[in-house]
Amino acid sequence: MIADLYIRVSTDEQADKGYSQRDQEERLRLHCDRLAIKIDRVIFEDHSAKSFDRPEWKKYLQSFKRSRGYREERLILFTKWDRFSRNTSEAYQMIGHLKKNNVLPQAIEQPLDLSIPENKVLLAIYLSTPEVENDRRALNVTNGMRRAIKEGRLMGIAPYGYINKCTEDGRKYVAVKQPEASNIIWAFEQVAKGHLPTAKVRVEMNKREGKNISSNAFMVALRNVTYCGKIYVRAYKNEEEDIVPGKHEALVSEELFLKVQHVLKKKGTKDLRLPGGRIINEERYPLRGLLLCPNCGKNLTASSSKGHTKHYYYYHCTTACGFRHHSDKVNKLFEEELSKYDFPTGILEILKKIIVKNTKSTSENFDGERSTLKSRISELNDRISKARDMYLSDKIDEEDFRDIKNRYKGELDDLEYKLSLLVKSEQKEGVEDKISKALKIVGNISERYIKASPIDKRAIVSLIYPEKIIFDGSDFQTSKINSFVDNIFLIRRELSKQKKGDLNSKNLNPRLVTSTGFKPVTF
């Protein structure tokens, strides 16, 4: 009789450090020597027995498949049946396949004569017991990991900005990893502003120091509650999905995370884009795509032309239209246009008093609005609870329950986001300092624009002018301007009528400042 020896371990660690493979080989060889069985080949395997998708086993099947099986009967020996397989259904199929090729599988420590019908009962026990052990072990691991997640532990590979670490006593934890953590914080802040497409934010983030992140991984990261210090618990059996507080360090605030979700949801799958659409980094053309031709109404593009001694740079329309102007001249005129929104330094303090006064007066309406939002949130949660009770009592099926839950979940997220903004606006601590900082930025907007990068310049323009601007060669015209900036211009015009030495909050009209304060825009 000729036999092939099959030696398998379940992990690479057992193959490298353990004695399982050598021990199996020794016992198999002793068995063959005792029964005068000739050994043909020895097959070493270090893959799981959950299936027969194993490299060495596939090679073994291919060896006799080419010759359509062996002419004489031979054995394939292993120590126990769990070395052969831990999957009952696949094991029976493989035994039948081997028999067709005159190969008889046999375990030397659990010998069975498969020609005897009663032995098939023992075979079923030998094959099903390892499978049951595997299933029980997998179930214990799943339950253990789920319990750890519910307790706030971040399981698995740490996301971008974090790293898996281990203490000296062997306890695993997740720590912040720099500079990736700073990169993802920067990305959240940029997306929350809504100035740039998310794809552009990712490209700019990847230019910073640290590991790059793919497009798909970046979008997953922006929606990952891990970054605001929470853990997402998946739905499992009768348990619904949930979000629990995590034990790891949060990289962004919950408010910033909700704002990013609001921005992403606002445009659906489409990127938030500036009025100019495609963004370029050419400093000579910061207004490219933002200007309209006064003759035909098309977008003005930009390019350079080579002269005899140097290049000349233009904003221009199509060749058929022929409208064009030097980019340096247009850029300079636009900077002068922005200067009309600048404030003299001495007036900022008076304007701050007016805005603080208006902010305090409007805060009286916060209680009613907050109560309305909380009432609606409570109403939606009650509806979801009723639907859950109906599902548990078999009055509606699972699909109907999930439809009801998903229908209200979007509205709940929006209401909670609005409530968080309202709570923040009610916080009086440091409100004057924040207004001073904001006015300092707005007060010299033209200087800020001149010093800004091309991307920031386009962001500033889009905030002031929600629609595209018509340039007629000397002046800029637009049908719409940001209401806050427009009020600043009106206040400045009113102040220019005041006599010197008579500037105070009493002789200014507070109604020129909108009741919403800084809410529409944040520079």
Protein backbone atom coordinates (compact mmCIF):
# COMPACT_ATOMS: atom_id res chain seq x y z
CA MET A 1 0.00 0.00 0.00
CA ILE A 2 1.18 3.51 -0.87
CA ALA A 3 0.22 6.52 1.24
CA ASP A 4 0.54 10.30 1.10
CA LEU A 5 0.94 12.13 4.41
CA TYR A 6 -1.12 15.29 5.02
CA ILE A 7 0.13 17.51 7.85
CA ARG A 8 -1.84 20.66 8.66
CA VAL A 9 -1.72 23.41 11.29
CA SER A 10 -4.18 26.25 11.65
CA THR A 11 -1.88 29.26 11.93
CA ASP A 12 1.51 30.49 10.74
CA GLU A 13 2.60 30.85 14.35
CA GLN A 14 2.09 27.14 15.00
CA ALA A 15 4.04 26.33 11.85
CA ASP A 16 6.97 28.58 12.78
CA LYS A 17 7.25 28.24 16.57
CA GLY A 18 5.29 25.15 17.57
CA TYR A 19 6.04 21.47 17.33
CA SER A 20 2.68 20.44 15.83
CA GLN A 21 3.93 19.76 12.30
CA ARG A 22 6.99 17.75 13.41
CA ASP A 23 4.89 15.82 15.92
CA GLN A 24 2.30 14.92 13.28
CA GLU A 25 4.97 13.83 10.80
CA GLU A 26 6.69 11.63 13.38
CA ARG A 27 3.47 9.83 14.34
CA LEU A 28 2.45 9.33 10.70
CA ARG A 29 5.83 7.87 9.76
CA LEU A 30 5.81 5.49 12.74
CA HIS A 31 2.35 4.31 11.72
CA CYS A 32 3.51 3.65 8.15
CA ASP A 33 6.64 1.79 9.34
CA ARG A 34 4.58 -0.42 11.65
CA LEU A 35 2.15 -1.40 8.87
CA ALA A 36 4.78 -1.52 6.08
CA ILE A 37 3.12 1.30 4.15
CA LYS A 38 5.29 3.02 1.56
CA ILE A 39 5.31 6.86 1.80
CA ASP A 40 5.05 8.69 -1.53
CA ARG A 41 4.79 12.38 -0.65
CA VAL A 42 4.49 14.54 2.46
CA ILE A 43 2.20 17.57 2.26
CA PHE A 44 2.63 20.43 4.74
CA GLU A 45 -0.26 22.90 5.08
CA ASP A 46 -0.65 25.97 7.31
CA HIS A 47 -4.16 27.12 6.40
CA SER A 48 -7.50 26.95 8.16
CA ALA A 49 -9.71 23.88 7.73
CA LYS A 50 -12.91 25.91 7.36
CA SER A 51 -12.82 25.05 3.67
CA PHE A 52 -10.66 23.19 1.15
CA ASP A 53 -9.47 26.43 -0.40
CA ARG A 54 -5.89 25.65 0.64
CA PRO A 55 -2.85 26.08 -1.63
CA GLU A 56 -1.10 22.77 -0.93
CA TRP A 57 -4.33 20.78 -1.00
CA LYS A 58 -5.20 22.25 -4.40
CA LYS A 59 -1.79 21.20 -5.72
CA TYR A 60 -2.38 17.70 -4.38
CA LEU A 61 -5.74 17.42 -6.17
CA GLN A 62 -4.20 18.69 -9.41
CA SER A 63 -1.49 16.01 -9.24
CA PHE A 64 -3.89 13.12 -9.80
CA LYS A 65 -6.55 15.04 -11.70
CA ARG A 66 -4.32 15.20 -14.78
CA SER A 67 -4.08 11.39 -14.88
CA ARG A 68 -7.78 11.02 -14.04
CA GLY A 69 -7.02 9.32 -10.74
CA TYR A 70 -4.74 6.50 -9.67
CA ARG A 71 -4.98 3.00 -11.14
CA GLU A 72 -4.19 1.37 -7.79
CA GLU A 73 -5.79 2.32 -4.52
CA ARG A 74 -3.73 4.48 -2.18
CA LEU A 75 -4.17 6.27 1.14
CA ILE A 76 -4.08 9.90 2.25
CA LEU A 77 -3.16 9.79 5.95
CA PHE A 78 -3.54 12.42 8.67
CA THR A 79 -3.56 12.26 12.47
CA LYS A 80 -7.19 13.24 13.19
CA TRP A 81 -10.25 14.13 11.16
CA ASP A 82 -10.05 17.76 12.26
CA ARG A 83 -6.69 17.92 10.41
CA PHE A 84 -8.63 16.93 7.28
CA SER A 85 -11.59 19.31 7.61
CA ARG A 86 -13.72 21.35 10.03
CA ASN A 87 -16.63 21.69 7.61
CA THR A 88 -18.97 18.70 7.60
CA SER A 89 -20.72 19.27 4.25
CA GLU A 90 -17.50 19.99 2.33
CA ALA A 91 -15.75 17.04 4.00
CA TYR A 92 -18.36 14.56 2.69
CA GLN A 93 -18.04 15.99 -0.82
CA MET A 94 -14.24 15.77 -0.71
CA ILE A 95 -14.33 12.17 0.57
CA GLY A 96 -16.54 11.24 -2.39
CA HIS A 97 -14.19 13.05 -4.80
CA LEU A 98 -11.14 11.23 -3.41
CA LYS A 99 -12.85 7.84 -3.64
CA LYS A 100 -13.56 8.42 -7.34
CA ASN A 101 -9.82 8.81 -7.83
CA ASN A 102 -8.95 5.69 -5.79
CA VAL A 103 -7.71 7.72 -2.82
CA LEU A 104 -8.95 6.71 0.65
CA PRO A 105 -8.73 9.30 3.47
CA GLN A 106 -7.87 7.88 6.89
CA ALA A 107 -7.07 9.29 10.34
CA ILE A 108 -4.53 7.12 12.17
CA GLU A 109 -5.80 8.12 15.66
CA GLN A 110 -9.47 7.83 14.69
CA PRO A 111 -9.43 4.89 12.23
CA LEU A 112 -12.66 4.05 10.42
CA ASP A 113 -13.50 1.39 7.86
CA LEU A 114 -15.88 3.39 5.68
CA SER A 115 -17.05 0.22 3.90
CA ILE A 116 -18.95 -0.62 7.10
CA PRO A 117 -22.24 1.43 7.13
CA GLU A 118 -22.31 1.82 10.94
CA ASN A 119 -18.96 3.59 10.88
CA LYS A 120 -20.55 6.50 9.03
CA VAL A 121 -22.19 7.49 12.32
CA LEU A 122 -18.77 7.80 13.94
CA LEU A 123 -17.51 9.69 10.89
CA ALA A 124 -20.32 12.20 11.29
CA ILE A 125 -19.33 12.71 14.95
CA TYR A 126 -15.62 13.11 14.11
CA LEU A 127 -16.39 15.68 11.39
CA SER A 128 -19.14 17.66 13.15
CA THR A 129 -17.37 18.02 16.50
CA PRO A 130 -14.55 20.27 15.15
CA GLU A 131 -17.11 22.33 13.22
CA VAL A 132 -19.15 22.84 16.40
CA GLU A 133 -15.96 23.87 18.24
CA ASN A 134 -15.18 26.40 15.50
CA ASP A 135 -18.70 27.84 15.56
CA ARG A 136 -18.68 28.13 19.35
CA ARG A 137 -15.27 29.81 19.33
CA ALA A 138 -16.41 32.26 16.63
CA LEU A 139 -19.59 33.04 18.58
CA ASN A 140 -17.61 33.69 21.77
CA VAL A 141 -15.24 36.00 19.91
CA THR A 142 -18.14 37.90 18.31
CA ASN A 143 -19.93 38.33 21.64
CA GLY A 144 -16.72 39.38 23.36
CA MET A 145 -15.89 41.98 20.71
CA ARG A 146 -19.46 43.30 20.75
CA ARG A 147 -19.36 43.67 24.52
CA ALA A 148 -16.05 45.55 24.27
CA ILE A 149 -17.51 47.88 21.61
CA LYS A 150 -20.57 48.58 23.78
CA GLU A 151 -18.19 49.53 26.60
CA GLY A 152 -16.54 52.10 24.33
CA ARG A 153 -13.44 50.26 23.13
CA LEU A 154 -12.36 50.80 19.53
CA MET A 155 -11.82 47.33 18.03
CA GLY A 156 -9.95 46.33 14.90
CA ILE A 157 -7.51 48.43 12.89
CA ALA A 158 -7.40 52.04 14.07
CA PRO A 159 -8.73 54.60 11.53
CA TYR A 160 -6.63 57.34 9.93
CA GLY A 161 -5.28 59.64 12.66
CA TYR A 162 -5.09 56.87 15.28
CA ILE A 163 -2.71 53.97 15.91
CA ASN A 164 -3.05 50.61 17.67
CA LYS A 165 -0.76 50.33 20.70
CA CYS A 166 -0.16 47.94 23.57
CA THR A 167 0.82 48.57 27.20
CA GLU A 168 3.63 46.72 28.97
CA ASP A 169 1.14 44.34 30.57
CA GLY A 170 -0.28 43.44 27.14
CA ARG A 171 -3.43 45.58 27.19
CA LYS A 172 -4.29 47.00 23.80
CA TYR A 173 -5.54 50.54 23.23
CA VAL A 174 -5.88 53.19 20.52
CA ALA A 175 -3.77 56.37 20.64
CA VAL A 176 -3.60 59.54 18.55
CA LYS A 177 -1.07 59.45 15.71
CA GLN A 178 0.58 62.60 14.41
CA PRO A 179 0.72 64.22 11.89
CA GLU A 180 -2.27 62.26 10.52
CA ALA A 181 -4.48 63.43 13.42
CA SER A 182 -3.76 67.08 12.62
CA ASN A 183 -4.49 66.38 8.95
CA ILE A 184 -7.94 64.92 9.58
CA ILE A 185 -8.81 67.76 11.99
CA TRP A 186 -7.83 70.25 9.28
CA ALA A 187 -9.96 68.34 6.76
CA PHE A 188 -13.04 68.42 9.01
CA GLU A 189 -12.64 72.17 9.49
CA GLN A 190 -12.30 72.80 5.75
CA VAL A 191 -15.29 70.64 4.80
CA ALA A 192 -17.40 72.32 7.50
CA LYS A 193 -16.76 75.72 5.90
CA GLY A 194 -18.25 74.47 2.62
CA HIS A 195 -15.81 76.49 0.49
CA LEU A 196 -14.08 73.61 -1.28
CA PRO A 197 -15.19 70.33 -2.86
CA THR A 198 -14.42 67.38 -0.61
CA ALA A 199 -12.17 65.94 -3.32
CA LYS A 200 -10.10 69.14 -3.29
CA VAL A 201 -9.87 69.06 0.51
CA ARG A 202 -8.48 65.52 0.31
CA VAL A 203 -5.89 66.51 -2.31
CA GLU A 204 -4.75 69.48 -0.22
CA MET A 205 -4.64 67.30 2.92
CA ASN A 206 -2.48 64.71 1.18
CA LYS A 207 0.04 67.45 0.37
CA ARG A 208 0.60 67.92 4.09
CA GLU A 209 3.07 65.85 6.04
CA GLY A 210 1.94 62.32 6.82
CA LYS A 211 0.38 59.29 5.15
CA ASN A 212 -1.91 59.83 2.15
CA ILE A 213 -5.55 58.69 2.20
CA SER A 214 -7.63 57.39 -0.70
CA SER A 215 -10.83 59.03 -1.93
CA ASN A 216 -13.12 56.30 -0.61
CA ALA A 217 -11.35 56.12 2.76
CA PHE A 218 -11.57 59.91 3.09
CA MET A 219 -15.36 59.95 2.61
CA VAL A 220 -15.71 57.09 5.12
CA ALA A 221 -13.56 59.05 7.60
CA LEU A 222 -15.74 62.17 7.30
CA ARG A 223 -18.78 60.08 8.34
CA ASN A 224 -16.99 58.11 11.06
CA VAL A 225 -18.29 58.97 14.55
CA THR A 226 -15.00 57.70 15.99
CA TYR A 227 -13.43 61.11 15.38
CA CYS A 228 -15.86 62.86 17.77
CA GLY A 229 -15.18 60.35 20.54
CA LYS A 230 -18.03 57.90 19.93
CA ILE A 231 -18.33 54.27 18.80
CA TYR A 232 -20.82 52.90 16.28
CA VAL A 233 -22.42 49.60 17.32
CA ARG A 234 -23.82 47.60 14.40
CA ALA A 235 -27.25 46.00 14.49
CA TYR A 236 -27.05 42.35 15.53
CA LYS A 237 -29.92 39.87 15.68
CA ASN A 238 -32.69 41.58 17.70
CA GLU A 239 -30.43 44.43 18.83
CA GLU A 240 -30.62 47.69 16.92
CA GLU A 241 -27.65 49.79 15.86
CA ASP A 242 -26.45 52.28 18.44
CA ILE A 243 -23.81 54.95 19.11
CA VAL A 244 -22.04 54.85 22.48
CA PRO A 245 -19.36 57.06 24.09
CA GLY A 246 -15.84 55.83 23.35
CA LYS A 247 -12.82 55.56 25.65
CA HIS A 248 -10.43 56.94 23.02
CA GLU A 249 -9.49 60.59 22.58
CA ALA A 250 -11.76 62.61 20.29
CA LEU A 251 -10.08 64.58 17.50
CA VAL A 252 -13.02 66.88 16.65
CA SER A 253 -15.93 68.23 18.65
CA GLU A 254 -19.40 66.75 18.26
CA GLU A 255 -20.59 70.12 16.99
CA LEU A 256 -17.97 70.18 14.21
CA PHE A 257 -18.77 66.56 13.28
CA LEU A 258 -22.52 67.34 13.02
CA LYS A 259 -21.76 70.39 10.92
CA VAL A 260 -19.72 68.28 8.47
CA GLN A 261 -22.59 65.75 8.22
CA HIS A 262 -24.97 68.62 7.53
CA VAL A 263 -22.70 69.97 4.78
CA LEU A 264 -22.29 66.53 3.17
CA LYS A 265 -26.01 65.82 3.32
CA LYS A 266 -26.94 69.25 1.96
CA LYS A 267 -25.52 68.48 -1.45
CA GLY A 268 -26.04 64.72 -1.36
CA THR A 269 -23.40 62.98 -3.41
CA LYS A 270 -22.40 66.19 -5.19
CA ASP A 271 -19.42 68.22 -4.04
CA LEU A 272 -19.92 71.70 -2.63
CA ARG A 273 -18.51 73.94 -5.33
CA LEU A 274 -17.72 77.60 -5.57
CA PRO A 275 -19.52 79.68 -8.22
CA GLY A 276 -16.39 79.32 -10.36
CA GLY A 277 -16.52 75.52 -10.39
CA ARG A 278 -13.05 74.10 -11.08
CA ILE A 279 -10.33 75.43 -8.79
CA ILE A 280 -6.84 76.21 -10.04
CA ASN A 281 -3.77 77.23 -8.10
CA GLU A 282 -2.55 79.85 -10.58
CA GLU A 283 -2.01 83.01 -8.53
CA ARG A 284 -2.38 85.24 -11.59
CA TYR A 285 -6.01 84.16 -12.15
CA PRO A 286 -7.80 84.05 -8.76
CA LEU A 287 -11.03 85.24 -10.44
CA ARG A 288 -11.07 82.71 -13.25
CA GLY A 289 -14.55 81.23 -13.57
CA LEU A 290 -16.05 83.84 -11.23
CA LEU A 291 -16.43 86.59 -13.83
CA LEU A 292 -19.00 86.92 -16.64
CA CYS A 293 -18.48 88.60 -20.00
CA PRO A 294 -20.54 91.85 -20.32
CA ASN A 295 -21.08 91.22 -24.05
CA CYS A 296 -22.29 87.63 -24.30
CA GLY A 297 -22.76 86.61 -20.63
CA LYS A 298 -20.38 83.63 -20.84
CA ASN A 299 -17.75 82.76 -18.25
CA LEU A 300 -14.45 84.54 -18.60
CA THR A 301 -11.52 82.18 -18.70
CA ALA A 302 -7.83 83.07 -18.40
CA SER A 303 -4.62 82.29 -20.26
CA SER A 304 -1.27 83.76 -21.29
CA SER A 305 0.16 84.75 -24.65
CA LYS A 306 3.83 84.89 -25.53
CA GLY A 307 5.23 88.17 -26.79
CA HIS A 308 8.67 88.96 -28.16
CA THR A 309 10.23 89.44 -24.73
CA LYS A 310 7.76 88.11 -22.12
CA HIS A 311 4.38 86.51 -21.48
CA TYR A 312 1.16 88.51 -21.16
CA TYR A 313 -1.71 87.32 -18.98
CA TYR A 314 -5.41 87.94 -19.68
CA TYR A 315 -8.95 87.28 -18.52
CA HIS A 316 -10.83 86.75 -21.77
CA CYS A 317 -13.99 85.43 -23.39
CA THR A 318 -14.17 83.24 -26.49
CA THR A 319 -12.32 84.17 -29.67
CA ALA A 320 -15.61 85.00 -31.40
CA CYS A 321 -16.53 87.51 -28.67
CA GLY A 322 -13.08 89.06 -28.35
CA PHE A 323 -13.52 90.57 -24.86
CA ARG A 324 -10.28 90.49 -22.84
CA HIS A 325 -8.34 92.47 -20.22
CA HIS A 326 -4.97 92.19 -18.53
CA SER A 327 -5.24 89.98 -15.43
CA ASP A 328 -3.05 92.31 -13.32
CA LYS A 329 -5.37 95.24 -14.05
CA VAL A 330 -8.54 93.22 -13.29
CA ASN A 331 -7.07 91.84 -10.06
CA LYS A 332 -6.05 95.33 -8.93
CA LEU A 333 -9.51 96.77 -9.69
CA PHE A 334 -11.15 93.95 -7.74
CA GLU A 335 -8.94 94.62 -4.71
CA GLU A 336 -10.06 98.26 -4.86
CA GLU A 337 -13.67 97.07 -5.12
CA LEU A 338 -13.28 95.08 -1.89
CA SER A 339 -11.75 98.06 -0.09
CA LYS A 340 -15.18 99.75 0.04
CA TYR A 341 -16.20 97.15 2.64
CA ASP A 342 -13.26 97.99 4.92
CA PHE A 343 -13.90 99.84 8.20
CA PRO A 344 -11.74 102.48 9.87
CA THR A 345 -10.25 101.09 13.07
CA GLY A 346 -12.03 103.57 15.35
CA ILE A 347 -15.49 102.53 14.17
CA LEU A 348 -15.13 98.80 14.92
CA GLU A 349 -15.66 99.28 18.67
CA ILE A 350 -18.95 101.13 18.09
CA LEU A 351 -20.13 98.48 15.64
CA LYS A 352 -19.28 95.77 18.15
CA LYS A 353 -21.53 97.40 20.78
CA ILE A 354 -24.42 97.47 18.30
CA ILE A 355 -24.02 93.80 17.33
CA VAL A 356 -23.70 92.69 20.98
CA LYS A 357 -26.86 94.65 21.80
CA ASN A 358 -28.76 93.03 18.92
CA THR A 359 -27.44 89.59 19.85
CA LYS A 360 -28.74 89.95 23.41
CA SER A 361 -32.14 91.17 22.20
CA THR A 362 -32.61 88.25 19.80
CA SER A 363 -31.57 85.73 22.48
CA GLU A 364 -34.97 86.29 24.13
CA ASN A 365 -36.54 84.22 21.35
CA PHE A 366 -34.20 81.26 21.93
CA ASP A 367 -36.34 79.67 24.65
CA GLY A 368 -39.36 79.31 22.36
CA GLU A 369 -37.31 78.00 19.43
CA ARG A 370 -35.42 75.56 21.65
CA SER A 371 -38.69 74.29 23.12
CA THR A 372 -40.13 73.77 19.62
CA LEU A 373 -37.09 71.79 18.48
CA LYS A 374 -37.06 69.61 21.58
CA SER A 375 -40.78 68.95 21.23
CA ARG A 376 -40.38 67.82 17.62
CA ILE A 377 -37.38 65.62 18.50
CA SER A 378 -39.37 64.00 21.31
CA GLU A 379 -42.33 63.46 18.95
CA LEU A 380 -40.16 61.71 16.34
CA ASN A 381 -38.50 59.52 18.98
CA ASP A 382 -41.95 58.52 20.25
CA ARG A 383 -43.01 57.52 16.74
CA ILE A 384 -39.90 55.37 16.33
CA SER A 385 -40.58 53.76 19.74
CA LYS A 386 -44.16 52.95 18.76
CA ALA A 387 -42.97 51.43 15.48
CA ARG A 388 -40.46 49.34 17.45
CA ASP A 389 -43.19 48.05 19.76
CA MET A 390 -45.34 47.15 16.75
CA TYR A 391 -42.40 45.30 15.20
CA LEU A 392 -41.72 43.35 18.42
CA SER A 393 -45.40 42.39 18.64
CA ASP A 394 -45.36 41.20 14.98
CA LYS A 395 -47.84 43.85 13.82
CA ILE A 396 -45.38 45.10 11.18
CA ASP A 397 -42.46 43.31 9.54
CA GLU A 398 -38.79 44.25 9.78
CA GLU A 399 -38.71 46.00 6.40
CA ASP A 400 -41.58 48.34 7.35
CA PHE A 401 -39.93 49.13 10.68
CA ARG A 402 -36.63 50.04 9.02
CA ASP A 403 -38.43 52.23 6.47
CA ILE A 404 -40.15 54.14 9.28
CA LYS A 405 -36.92 54.49 11.22
CA ASN A 406 -34.91 55.70 8.21
CA ARG A 407 -37.65 58.17 7.26
CA TYR A 408 -37.46 59.93 10.63
CA LYS A 409 -33.70 59.56 11.15
CA GLY A 410 -32.78 62.22 8.58
CA GLU A 411 -35.14 64.77 10.13
CA LEU A 412 -33.86 63.90 13.61
CA ASP A 413 -30.26 64.56 12.55
CA ASP A 414 -31.22 67.97 11.13
CA LEU A 415 -33.16 68.94 14.26
CA GLU A 416 -30.33 67.89 16.57
CA TYR A 417 -27.87 69.87 14.46
CA LYS A 418 -30.08 72.99 14.68
CA LEU A 419 -30.49 72.48 18.41
CA SER A 420 -26.71 72.25 18.89
CA LEU A 421 -26.25 75.53 16.99
CA LEU A 422 -28.95 77.17 19.09
CA VAL A 423 -27.36 76.01 22.33
CA LYS A 424 -24.01 77.35 21.19
CA SER A 425 -25.51 80.73 20.24
CA GLU A 426 -27.01 80.96 23.75
CA GLN A 427 -23.60 80.73 25.37
CA LYS A 428 -22.75 84.25 26.46
CA GLU A 429 -19.25 83.50 27.69
CA GLY A 430 -16.70 85.20 25.44
CA VAL A 431 -19.29 86.52 22.98
CA GLU A 432 -17.72 89.99 22.87
CA ASP A 433 -14.27 88.56 22.23
CA LYS A 434 -15.63 86.44 19.37
CA ILE A 435 -17.41 89.42 17.84
CA SER A 436 -14.23 91.51 18.14
CA LYS A 437 -12.24 88.84 16.36
CA ALA A 438 -14.84 88.51 13.61
CA LEU A 439 -15.05 92.27 13.10
CA LYS A 440 -11.28 92.53 12.94
CA ILE A 441 -11.30 90.07 10.05
CA VAL A 442 -14.24 91.72 8.29
CA GLY A 443 -12.93 95.22 8.94
CA ASN A 444 -9.94 94.73 6.64
CA ILE A 445 -11.36 92.23 4.16
CA SER A 446 -9.43 93.68 1.21
CA GLU A 447 -6.10 93.23 3.00
CA ARG A 448 -7.07 89.69 3.98
CA TYR A 449 -7.94 88.97 0.35
CA ILE A 450 -4.59 90.30 -0.92
CA LYS A 451 -2.59 88.12 1.49
CA ALA A 452 -4.74 84.99 0.99
CA SER A 453 -3.85 81.94 -1.11
CA PRO A 454 -5.66 81.43 -4.46
CA ILE A 455 -8.06 78.94 -2.83
CA ASP A 456 -8.85 81.29 0.08
CA LYS A 457 -9.30 84.20 -2.33
CA ARG A 458 -11.99 82.29 -4.20
CA ALA A 459 -13.62 81.36 -0.87
CA ILE A 460 -13.76 85.03 0.16
CA VAL A 461 -15.22 86.06 -3.21
CA SER A 462 -17.90 83.36 -3.09
CA LEU A 463 -18.93 84.41 0.41
CA ILE A 464 -19.35 88.06 -0.58
CA TYR A 465 -20.86 87.39 -4.02
CA PRO A 466 -23.12 84.29 -4.04
CA GLU A 467 -23.57 84.72 -7.81
CA LYS A 468 -21.07 85.42 -10.56
CA ILE A 469 -19.81 88.94 -11.23
CA ILE A 470 -20.05 90.91 -14.47
CA PHE A 471 -16.88 92.84 -15.33
CA ASP A 472 -17.36 95.53 -17.97
CA GLY A 473 -13.72 96.59 -18.19
CA SER A 474 -13.74 99.08 -15.33
CA ASP A 475 -16.48 98.16 -12.86
CA PHE A 476 -17.90 95.03 -11.23
CA GLN A 477 -21.62 94.35 -11.12
CA THR A 478 -23.66 91.55 -9.54
CA SER A 479 -27.35 90.95 -9.01
CA LYS A 480 -26.84 89.57 -5.51
CA ILE A 481 -24.51 90.28 -2.58
CA ASN A 482 -24.24 88.72 0.85
CA SER A 483 -26.73 90.50 3.15
CA PHE A 484 -24.23 90.82 6.01
CA VAL A 485 -21.59 92.44 3.79
CA ASP A 486 -24.25 94.68 2.25
CA ASN A 487 -25.22 95.89 5.73
CA ILE A 488 -21.57 96.65 6.50
CA PHE A 489 -21.44 98.81 3.37
CA LEU A 490 -24.64 100.62 4.41
CA ILE A 491 -23.32 101.25 7.91
CA ARG A 492 -20.09 102.65 6.53
CA ARG A 493 -22.04 104.95 4.21
CA GLU A 494 -24.13 106.17 7.16
CA LEU A 495 -21.02 106.75 9.24
CA SER A 496 -19.48 108.84 6.50
CA LYS A 497 -22.34 111.34 7.00
CA GLN A 498 -21.58 111.78 10.72
CA LYS A 499 -19.56 114.73 11.91
CA LYS A 500 -16.15 114.21 13.43
CA GLY A 501 -16.23 113.73 17.18
CA ASP A 502 -19.88 112.64 17.08
CA LEU A 503 -19.42 108.92 16.57
CA ASN A 504 -21.17 106.76 19.17
CA SER A 505 -23.71 103.99 19.33
CA LYS A 506 -26.60 106.35 20.12
CA ASN A 507 -26.54 108.24 16.82
CA LEU A 508 -26.26 105.05 14.73
CA ASN A 509 -29.27 103.14 13.54
CA PRO A 510 -29.01 99.61 15.07
CA ARG A 511 -31.55 98.33 12.53
CA LEU A 512 -28.81 98.43 9.90
CA VAL A 513 -27.33 95.33 11.56
CA THR A 514 -29.36 92.22 10.81
CA SER A 515 -31.03 90.46 13.72
CA THR A 516 -29.33 87.22 12.80
CA GLY A 517 -25.91 88.62 13.63
CA PHE A 518 -23.08 86.52 12.23
CA LYS A 519 -25.19 83.46 11.50
CA PRO A 520 -25.33 83.64 7.64
CA VAL A 521 -21.57 83.79 7.15
CA THR A 522 -18.37 83.04 8.99
CA PHE A 523 -15.19 84.39 7.40
